[in-house]
Protein backbone atom coordinates (compact mmCIF):
# COMPACT_ATOMS: atom_id res chain seq x y z
CA MET A 1 44.47 112.06 110.77
CA ASN A 2 40.75 112.74 111.26
CA ASP A 3 38.76 115.52 109.56
CA ARG A 4 39.04 117.79 112.59
CA ASP A 5 42.82 117.41 112.77
CA GLY A 6 43.02 118.03 109.04
CA ALA A 7 40.96 121.22 109.36
CA VAL A 8 43.17 122.51 112.16
CA GLY A 9 46.30 121.74 110.17
CA ALA A 10 44.94 123.50 107.09
CA MET A 11 43.86 126.55 109.11
CA VAL A 12 47.29 126.87 110.70
CA ALA A 13 49.04 126.26 107.37
CA ALA A 14 47.12 129.18 105.86
CA LEU A 15 48.19 131.48 108.71
CA VAL A 16 51.81 130.40 108.38
CA ALA A 17 51.79 130.83 104.59
CA ARG A 18 50.57 134.40 104.98
CA ALA A 19 53.20 134.99 107.66
CA ARG A 20 55.95 133.66 105.42
CA ALA A 21 54.90 135.95 102.57
CA ALA A 22 54.93 138.97 104.88
CA GLN A 23 58.25 137.94 106.42
CA ALA A 24 59.81 137.72 102.95
CA VAL A 25 58.92 141.40 102.55
CA ALA A 26 60.33 142.35 105.94
CA GLU A 27 63.55 140.47 105.26
CA GLY A 28 64.33 143.11 102.64
CA TYR A 29 64.00 145.98 105.13
CA ASP A 30 67.01 147.98 106.24
CA GLN A 31 67.60 148.85 109.90
CA ALA A 32 65.70 152.13 109.73
CA ARG A 33 62.61 150.50 108.23
CA THR A 34 62.84 147.65 110.74
CA ASP A 35 63.00 150.12 113.60
CA GLU A 36 59.91 151.83 112.19
CA LEU A 37 58.07 148.51 112.51
CA VAL A 38 59.18 148.29 116.14
CA ALA A 39 58.05 151.83 116.90
CA ALA A 40 54.66 151.18 115.30
CA ALA A 41 54.07 148.07 117.42
CA GLY A 42 55.27 149.85 120.55
CA TRP A 43 53.01 152.85 120.06
CA ALA A 44 50.07 150.51 119.52
CA ILE A 45 50.15 149.55 123.21
CA ILE A 46 51.82 152.57 124.85
CA GLU A 47 49.34 155.21 123.63
CA PRO A 48 47.46 155.97 126.89
CA GLY A 49 43.93 155.44 125.67
CA ARG A 50 44.70 152.11 124.03
CA ASN A 51 46.81 151.03 127.00
CA ARG A 52 43.97 151.55 129.47
CA ALA A 53 41.42 149.90 127.21
CA LEU A 54 43.66 146.84 126.90
CA ALA A 55 44.18 146.72 130.66
CA GLU A 56 40.46 146.97 131.34
CA LEU A 57 39.70 144.24 128.82
CA ALA A 58 42.39 141.99 130.30
CA VAL A 59 40.97 142.24 133.82
CA ALA A 60 37.37 141.92 132.63
CA ASP A 61 38.05 138.74 130.66
CA SER A 62 40.59 137.02 132.94
CA GLY A 63 39.41 138.22 136.33
CA ILE A 64 43.09 138.46 137.23
CA GLY A 65 45.08 141.44 138.51
CA ASN A 66 44.00 145.08 138.56
CA VAL A 67 43.63 147.66 135.83
CA ASP A 68 45.93 150.42 137.11
CA ASP A 69 48.87 148.06 137.59
CA LYS A 70 48.33 146.52 134.17
CA VAL A 71 48.38 150.03 132.68
CA ARG A 72 51.71 150.63 134.43
CA LYS A 73 53.04 147.25 133.33
CA ASN A 74 52.01 147.70 129.69
CA HIS A 75 53.68 151.12 129.60
CA ARG A 76 56.81 150.42 131.60
CA LYS A 77 57.70 147.04 130.12
CA THR A 78 57.16 148.24 126.58
CA LEU A 79 58.99 151.54 127.03
CA GLY A 80 61.90 149.73 128.66
CA LEU A 81 62.08 147.21 125.84
CA LEU A 82 62.04 149.98 123.25
CA ARG A 83 64.90 151.65 125.12
CA ASP A 84 66.88 148.39 125.06
CA LEU A 85 66.28 147.98 121.33
CA ARG A 86 66.88 151.59 120.31
CA ASP A 87 70.52 151.20 119.31
CA ALA A 88 70.59 147.43 118.78
CA LYS A 89 71.74 146.28 115.33
CA THR A 90 69.79 143.41 113.83
CA VAL A 91 70.11 144.01 110.07
CA GLY A 92 73.21 143.43 107.96
CA VAL A 93 76.56 143.63 109.76
CA ILE A 94 75.78 143.75 113.47
CA ALA A 95 79.31 143.29 114.83
CA GLU A 96 82.93 143.16 113.64
CA HIS A 97 85.86 141.61 115.49
CA PRO A 98 89.00 142.49 113.50
CA ALA A 99 91.40 140.74 115.87
CA LEU A 100 89.49 137.51 115.32
CA GLY A 101 88.82 138.06 111.64
CA LEU A 102 85.08 137.72 112.26
CA VAL A 103 82.09 139.65 110.93
CA GLU A 104 78.60 138.92 112.27
CA ILE A 105 75.45 139.37 110.18
CA GLY A 106 71.94 139.47 111.67
CA ARG A 107 69.38 137.17 110.05
CA PRO A 108 65.71 136.46 110.83
CA VAL A 109 64.55 133.12 112.20
CA GLY A 110 61.36 133.22 110.09
CA VAL A 111 57.91 132.73 111.63
CA VAL A 112 57.69 132.84 115.42
CA CYS A 113 54.98 131.12 117.45
CA ALA A 114 54.43 133.21 120.59
CA ILE A 115 52.58 131.39 123.39
CA THR A 116 51.32 133.87 125.99
CA PRO A 117 49.54 133.63 129.37
CA SER A 118 46.32 135.03 130.82
CA THR A 119 48.27 136.83 133.57
CA ASN A 120 49.74 139.37 131.10
CA PRO A 121 47.51 139.18 128.02
CA ALA A 122 48.74 142.49 126.55
CA ALA A 123 52.24 143.12 127.91
CA THR A 124 53.66 139.67 127.13
CA PRO A 125 52.37 139.46 123.53
CA ALA A 126 53.60 143.01 122.92
CA ASN A 127 57.05 142.14 124.23
CA LYS A 128 57.33 139.08 122.01
CA ILE A 129 55.90 140.83 118.95
CA ILE A 130 58.33 143.74 119.27
CA ASN A 131 61.35 141.48 119.76
CA ALA A 132 60.31 139.37 116.76
CA LEU A 133 59.80 142.41 114.54
CA LYS A 134 63.16 143.87 115.57
CA CYS A 135 64.76 140.85 113.91
CA ARG A 136 62.50 141.02 110.79
CA ASN A 137 60.41 137.98 111.72
CA ALA A 138 56.71 137.38 111.38
CA VAL A 139 54.92 136.31 114.56
CA ILE A 140 51.70 134.42 115.28
CA VAL A 141 50.37 134.77 118.82
CA ALA A 142 48.75 131.82 120.58
CA PRO A 143 47.16 133.37 123.68
CA SER A 144 45.39 131.71 126.56
CA PRO A 145 41.63 131.53 125.96
CA LYS A 146 41.01 134.13 128.68
CA GLY A 147 43.50 136.47 127.04
CA TRP A 148 42.31 136.04 123.46
CA ARG A 149 40.16 139.18 123.19
CA THR A 150 42.96 141.31 124.66
CA ALA A 151 45.46 139.88 122.19
CA GLU A 152 42.96 140.45 119.38
CA ALA A 153 42.56 144.09 120.38
CA LEU A 154 46.33 144.58 120.69
CA ILE A 155 46.99 143.09 117.27
CA GLY A 156 44.20 145.20 115.81
CA HIS A 157 45.98 148.30 117.13
CA ILE A 158 49.27 147.06 115.67
CA HIS A 159 47.64 146.51 112.28
CA ALA A 160 46.28 150.07 112.35
CA GLN A 161 49.80 151.37 112.98
CA PHE A 162 51.17 149.14 110.20
CA ASP A 163 48.63 150.68 107.84
CA ARG A 164 50.07 154.10 108.67
CA ILE A 165 53.57 153.03 107.62
CA GLY A 166 52.62 150.70 104.77
CA ALA A 167 53.80 147.49 106.41
CA PRO A 168 52.12 144.11 105.80
CA ARG A 169 49.55 143.24 108.46
CA ASP A 170 50.38 139.55 108.19
CA LEU A 171 53.67 140.15 109.98
CA VAL A 172 51.61 139.91 113.19
CA GLN A 173 48.72 137.45 113.38
CA LEU A 174 46.54 135.77 115.99
CA LEU A 175 45.58 132.12 116.31
CA PRO A 176 41.79 132.15 115.83
CA ALA A 177 39.36 131.44 118.65
CA PRO A 178 38.59 129.09 120.17
CA VAL A 179 42.26 128.47 120.94
CA SER A 180 42.77 124.79 121.71
CA LYS A 181 45.62 122.48 122.62
CA ALA A 182 45.38 121.03 119.13
CA SER A 183 45.61 124.36 117.29
CA THR A 184 48.43 125.59 119.54
CA ALA A 185 50.35 122.34 119.04
CA GLU A 186 49.90 122.57 115.27
CA LEU A 187 51.11 126.16 115.26
CA MET A 188 54.18 125.19 117.24
CA ARG A 189 54.88 122.40 114.77
CA GLN A 190 54.59 124.57 111.65
CA CYS A 191 56.50 127.67 112.78
CA ASP A 192 60.28 128.13 112.82
CA LEU A 193 60.69 129.11 116.48
CA VAL A 194 58.50 128.79 119.56
CA VAL A 195 58.74 131.21 122.49
CA ALA A 196 56.53 129.98 125.34
CA THR A 197 55.52 131.79 128.51
CA GLY A 198 52.85 130.56 130.89
CA SER A 199 52.01 127.19 132.38
CA GLN A 200 54.68 124.54 132.65
CA ALA A 201 52.43 122.29 130.55
CA ASN A 202 52.73 124.78 127.68
CA VAL A 203 56.48 125.06 128.17
CA ARG A 204 56.94 121.28 128.16
CA ALA A 205 54.78 121.04 125.04
CA ALA A 206 56.95 123.68 123.37
CA TYR A 207 60.13 121.79 124.19
CA THR A 208 58.76 118.55 122.75
CA CYS A 209 56.99 119.91 119.65
CA GLY A 210 59.92 119.27 117.31
CA THR A 211 60.49 122.98 116.59
CA PRO A 212 63.34 124.95 118.21
CA ALA A 213 61.88 126.50 121.36
CA PHE A 214 62.56 128.82 124.26
CA GLY A 215 60.44 128.28 127.35
CA VAL A 216 60.64 129.55 130.91
CA GLY A 217 60.62 127.82 134.28
CA ALA A 218 58.25 128.11 137.21
CA GLY A 219 58.46 131.03 139.60
CA ASN A 220 58.44 130.74 143.38
CA VAL A 221 60.74 133.54 144.46
CA ALA A 222 62.10 133.66 148.00
CA SER A 223 63.33 136.89 149.59
CA ILE A 224 65.98 136.91 152.31
CA VAL A 225 66.04 139.75 154.84
CA ASP A 226 69.14 139.50 156.98
CA GLU A 227 70.12 141.17 160.23
CA THR A 228 71.92 144.05 158.49
CA ALA A 229 68.98 145.13 156.32
CA ASP A 230 66.93 148.27 156.77
CA ALA A 231 63.79 146.33 157.67
CA ASP A 232 61.29 149.05 156.87
CA ARG A 233 62.80 149.79 153.46
CA ALA A 234 63.08 146.07 152.68
CA ILE A 235 59.44 145.42 153.51
CA ALA A 236 58.29 148.55 151.67
CA LEU A 237 60.02 147.24 148.53
CA LEU A 238 58.77 143.71 149.07
CA MET A 239 55.18 144.88 149.49
CA GLN A 240 55.43 147.09 146.42
CA SER A 241 56.48 143.98 144.51
CA LYS A 242 54.17 141.47 146.20
CA THR A 243 51.00 143.48 145.69
CA PHE A 244 51.72 144.71 142.15
CA ASP A 245 48.95 143.45 139.85
CA ASN A 246 47.82 141.19 142.71
CA ALA A 247 51.03 139.13 142.50
CA THR A 248 50.34 137.70 139.04
CA SER A 249 54.03 137.92 138.09
CA CYS A 250 56.27 134.85 138.23
CA SER A 251 58.77 137.25 139.82
CA SER A 252 56.54 138.08 142.77
CA GLU A 253 57.97 137.03 146.14
CA ASN A 254 56.28 133.94 147.59
CA SER A 255 58.40 133.33 150.67
CA LEU A 256 60.05 135.75 153.08
CA VAL A 257 63.04 134.21 154.85
CA VAL A 258 64.01 136.36 157.83
CA VAL A 259 67.08 136.05 160.03
CA ALA A 260 65.86 135.85 163.63
CA ALA A 261 67.65 139.03 164.72
CA ALA A 262 65.55 140.98 162.20
CA ARG A 263 62.22 139.25 162.90
CA ASP A 264 60.67 141.80 165.27
CA ALA A 265 61.54 144.74 163.01
CA VAL A 266 60.26 142.85 159.96
CA LEU A 267 56.95 141.95 161.62
CA GLN A 268 56.43 145.56 162.65
CA ALA A 269 57.23 146.74 159.13
CA LEU A 270 54.85 144.19 157.62
CA GLY A 271 52.07 145.55 159.80
CA ARG A 272 52.84 149.13 158.85
CA HIS A 273 52.71 148.26 155.17
CA GLY A 274 49.39 146.43 155.25
CA ALA A 275 50.41 142.78 155.69
CA VAL A 276 48.46 140.79 158.29
CA LEU A 277 49.91 137.70 159.98
CA LEU A 278 47.40 134.84 160.33
CA ASP A 279 47.20 132.51 163.31
CA THR A 280 47.23 128.72 162.97
CA ALA A 281 43.47 128.32 162.60
CA GLU A 282 43.25 131.15 160.06
CA LYS A 283 46.12 129.62 158.08
CA ALA A 284 44.19 126.34 157.88
CA GLN A 285 41.09 128.23 156.70
CA LEU A 286 43.09 129.96 153.98
CA GLN A 287 44.73 126.70 152.92
CA ARG A 288 41.33 125.07 152.37
CA LEU A 289 40.39 127.86 149.96
CA MET A 290 43.72 128.05 148.14
CA TRP A 291 44.32 124.43 147.20
CA ASP A 292 41.90 121.94 145.72
CA ASN A 293 43.33 118.42 145.42
CA GLY A 294 46.82 119.87 145.37
CA HIS A 295 46.11 122.47 142.69
CA LEU A 296 46.11 126.22 143.27
CA SER A 297 42.53 127.47 143.07
CA PRO A 298 41.38 130.09 140.55
CA ALA A 299 39.52 131.61 143.51
CA VAL A 300 42.78 133.24 144.67
CA ILE A 301 44.92 133.67 141.53
CA GLY A 302 45.46 137.36 140.85
CA GLN A 303 42.87 138.43 143.44
CA SER A 304 43.26 141.17 146.05
CA ALA A 305 44.05 140.28 149.65
CA ARG A 306 40.61 141.50 150.72
CA THR A 307 38.83 139.32 148.16
CA ILE A 308 40.83 136.29 149.24
CA ALA A 309 40.12 136.99 152.92
CA GLU A 310 36.40 137.29 152.19
CA ARG A 311 36.32 134.06 150.19
CA ALA A 312 38.26 132.24 152.92
CA GLY A 313 35.88 133.50 155.60
CA LEU A 314 38.59 135.52 157.35
CA ALA A 315 36.28 138.23 158.65
CA ARG A 316 38.90 139.91 160.85
CA GLN A 317 41.26 140.46 157.94
CA ALA A 318 38.60 141.23 155.33
CA GLY A 319 37.37 144.11 157.44
CA GLN A 320 40.75 145.86 157.64
CA ALA A 321 40.82 148.91 155.37
CA THR A 322 44.62 148.85 155.10
CA LEU A 323 44.88 145.14 154.17
CA ARG A 324 47.29 144.52 151.27
CA ALA A 325 48.67 141.02 151.89
CA LEU A 326 48.10 137.93 154.03
CA VAL A 327 51.07 136.31 155.78
CA VAL A 328 51.37 132.75 157.09
CA GLU A 329 54.23 131.21 159.06
CA GLU A 330 55.82 128.01 157.82
CA ASP A 331 58.74 125.75 158.68
CA GLY A 332 58.37 122.98 156.10
CA TYR A 333 58.66 122.46 152.37
CA GLY A 334 57.07 120.40 149.62
CA GLU A 335 53.66 119.01 148.78
CA ASP A 336 52.72 118.56 152.44
CA HIS A 337 53.42 122.27 152.96
CA PRO A 338 51.67 123.95 150.01
CA PHE A 339 52.40 127.44 151.29
CA SER A 340 56.06 126.75 150.40
CA GLY A 341 55.07 126.88 146.70
CA GLU A 342 54.00 129.56 144.23
CA LYS A 343 50.73 131.27 145.14
CA LEU A 344 50.12 133.86 142.37
CA SER A 345 48.32 136.01 144.91
CA PRO A 346 49.16 138.51 147.69
CA VAL A 347 49.77 135.68 150.16
CA LEU A 348 53.27 135.55 151.64
CA THR A 349 54.93 132.69 153.54
CA LEU A 350 57.20 133.65 156.43
CA TYR A 351 60.19 131.54 157.51
CA THR A 352 62.31 132.54 160.52
CA VAL A 353 65.88 131.21 160.60
CA PRO A 354 68.79 131.64 163.04
CA ASP A 355 71.36 133.08 160.63
CA PHE A 356 72.27 133.76 157.02
CA ALA A 357 73.60 130.24 156.41
CA ALA A 358 70.26 128.84 157.53
CA ALA A 359 68.48 131.30 155.26
CA VAL A 360 70.45 130.01 152.27
CA GLU A 361 69.61 126.42 153.18
CA THR A 362 65.92 127.29 153.59
CA VAL A 363 65.80 128.84 150.14
CA ARG A 364 67.59 125.81 148.71
CA ARG A 365 64.92 123.52 150.16
CA ILE A 366 62.10 125.72 148.89
CA TYR A 367 63.57 125.65 145.39
CA ALA A 368 64.09 121.88 145.57
CA TYR A 369 60.28 121.78 145.71
CA GLN A 370 59.49 124.59 143.28
CA GLY A 371 61.13 127.58 141.62
CA ALA A 372 64.66 126.36 140.93
CA GLY A 373 66.54 128.47 138.41
CA HIS A 374 64.43 131.60 138.55
CA SER A 375 65.68 134.24 141.02
CA VAL A 376 66.30 135.07 144.65
CA SER A 377 65.82 138.39 146.41
CA LEU A 378 68.27 139.68 149.02
CA HIS A 379 67.89 142.62 151.39
CA SER A 380 71.24 143.16 153.10
CA GLN A 381 74.04 145.65 153.60
CA ARG A 382 76.68 142.96 153.10
CA ASP A 383 77.60 142.88 149.42
CA GLU A 384 79.47 139.58 149.69
CA ARG A 385 76.24 137.79 150.54
CA ALA A 386 74.84 138.46 147.07
CA LEU A 387 77.93 136.84 145.58
CA ALA A 388 77.52 133.88 147.92
CA LEU A 389 73.93 133.38 146.75
CA GLY A 390 74.98 133.63 143.13
CA GLN A 391 77.69 131.00 143.64
CA THR A 392 75.65 128.48 145.63
CA LEU A 393 71.90 128.68 144.96
CA PRO A 394 70.26 127.30 141.78
CA VAL A 395 69.19 130.73 140.51
CA SER A 396 69.75 132.74 137.34
CA ARG A 397 69.36 136.14 139.01
CA VAL A 398 70.14 137.61 142.45
CA ILE A 399 68.14 140.81 142.96
CA VAL A 400 69.73 142.99 145.65
CA ASN A 401 67.78 145.57 147.69
CA GLN A 402 65.07 146.04 145.05
CA ALA A 403 61.37 145.38 144.52
CA HIS A 404 61.87 141.97 143.00
CA ALA A 405 58.91 141.66 140.62
CA ILE A 406 59.73 145.07 139.17
CA ALA A 407 63.50 144.58 139.02
CA THR A 408 64.00 141.03 137.78
CA GLY A 409 62.33 141.62 134.42
CA GLY A 410 64.53 144.64 133.76
CA SER A 411 64.36 148.08 135.29
CA PHE A 412 65.44 151.60 134.47
CA ASP A 413 67.80 151.44 137.45
CA ASN A 414 69.43 148.06 136.81
CA GLY A 415 71.12 146.50 133.81
CA LEU A 416 68.86 143.51 133.17
CA PRO A 417 67.05 143.51 129.80
CA PHE A 418 63.36 144.38 129.96
CA SER A 419 61.42 141.16 129.56
CA LEU A 420 58.37 139.27 130.78
CA SER A 421 60.00 135.89 130.13
CA MET A 422 62.85 134.84 132.40
CA GLY A 423 65.01 131.86 131.51
CA CYS A 424 65.77 129.57 134.44
CA GLY A 425 68.67 127.54 133.07
CA THR A 426 68.94 123.79 133.40
CA TRP A 427 67.85 124.14 137.05
CA GLY A 428 64.40 125.09 135.75
CA ARG A 429 64.65 122.70 132.75
CA ASN A 430 65.26 125.61 130.36
CA ASN A 431 67.88 125.97 127.64
CA PHE A 432 68.80 129.55 128.62
CA SER A 433 69.31 131.43 131.87
CA GLU A 434 68.92 135.08 130.94
CA ASN A 435 66.01 137.42 130.39
CA MET A 436 64.53 136.63 126.99
CA ASN A 437 65.48 139.40 124.57
CA HIS A 438 65.81 140.14 120.88
CA ARG A 439 68.93 138.00 120.48
CA HIS A 440 66.77 134.92 121.06
CA TYR A 441 64.76 135.87 117.95
CA MET A 442 67.72 136.17 115.59
CA ASN A 443 70.07 133.93 113.64
CA VAL A 444 73.64 135.13 113.21
CA THR A 445 75.82 134.32 110.21
CA ARG A 446 79.57 134.69 110.76
CA ILE A 447 82.16 135.45 108.12
CA ALA A 448 85.61 134.16 109.07
CA ARG A 449 88.84 135.46 107.51
CA THR A 450 92.40 134.44 108.21
CA ILE A 451 94.36 136.13 110.97
CA PRO A 452 98.01 135.75 111.98
CA GLU A 453 98.44 132.22 113.25
CA VAL A 454 99.08 131.79 116.97
CA VAL A 455 100.00 128.23 118.02
CA PRO A 456 100.83 127.78 121.72
CA THR A 457 103.62 125.53 122.94
CA GLU A 458 102.92 122.50 125.11
CA ASP A 459 104.51 124.28 128.08
CA GLU A 460 102.18 127.28 127.64
CA ILE A 461 99.17 124.98 127.84
CA PHE A 462 100.36 122.29 130.27
CA GLY A 463 103.06 124.12 132.23
CA ARG A 464 101.21 124.29 135.55
CA TYR A 465 99.99 120.72 135.17
CA PHE A 466 103.51 119.45 134.43
CA ALA A 467 104.94 121.42 137.36
CA ALA A 468 102.43 119.87 139.75
CA HIS A 469 102.27 116.31 138.36
CA GLY A 470 105.20 115.80 136.01
CA ARG A 471 105.22 115.07 132.28
CA HIS A 472 104.46 111.34 132.35
């Protein structure tokens, strides 16, 4: 180990030691005191003045997204999480199952390393901090370099709220700037749990750091609009989702897969809602801007459609006052067809297919390239088609007739937990397939007592097998 590595290790060790001391205090809190911690952290970001200042700082430093949508995201995601946590038990006995003779006790995991992205430099840290506190953990945030000042401001607000309630500030800390791969890796190694959101490089590093970790898969959501859908409503919802915060969300739709019978209505609706279809030459122009040696360019990530059109030299589109999204047609998948992948911008890829079965196969091929395990969007009046998608596609969520980016991370009108980190299952090389929530930040101890013994007979277990194949 060289002197630099030793200095990084010592710096991180000091942070973790302070976190452990604070966490030992929090471990003695009852549920009411724990919930007071949660409320303090929530109010730190939800208070309107602080919320807007954080949103403005995030956009100024990252150059990604837009302020008003980040204000909405900070408020809505945090308020929804607080609603989810309001009646959740995380201290002492959290569940009893008399018929099984089991009692469950909530326990902290210890010190959490929270890796967060530049796309949501306030909302994602807040979500992870609140979940960690709900389970009486300490948390150290490792933000992206572009999101560091926003995370610093957020944590400063949290500390001010902690001062009001007499809670230790060291329950929530920030990895000092400049954040590096070395300091982030050392933090992951020294903490008790890693929760990683952001680039797949960070997620892979989390999974291989030697510390228990939750990481999320890549987004590349496809949306199916079939022949039974209300095309105008479907496109209104899709555009609401696709343009929110300039499509910085991993849950933003990247491909629109339209059954041929609905194509004309969908194209008309796209036009009404501010989406402009590019011709072949314009598509090539846009592609040259968007990808540099196979990598998505920062010139488009989280930018408005007008800015992207201007940078691509698309004068016709850039001059349209109603422009909200750019649309390109595609019929292929994979590295030779980069528009089939995630774009993190208000650029939408349109596939036209003959029927619903072809739509399913198209989505399957898109996800074979990128996005497996995340989610699929369906606009349809045939309920059975949602079930078909859930039984056949490699997805953890099927979002039906909703604005996908708003719905998939939890909504006030669906039952998914509010989260900014979506597990993608083994399809996305993740170890969970649900929306990350407070249960991922908690250990559970189970007390087992005897119950009346129930031992089945061989016929009760093997009866059907014996009847079909005999007893030999």
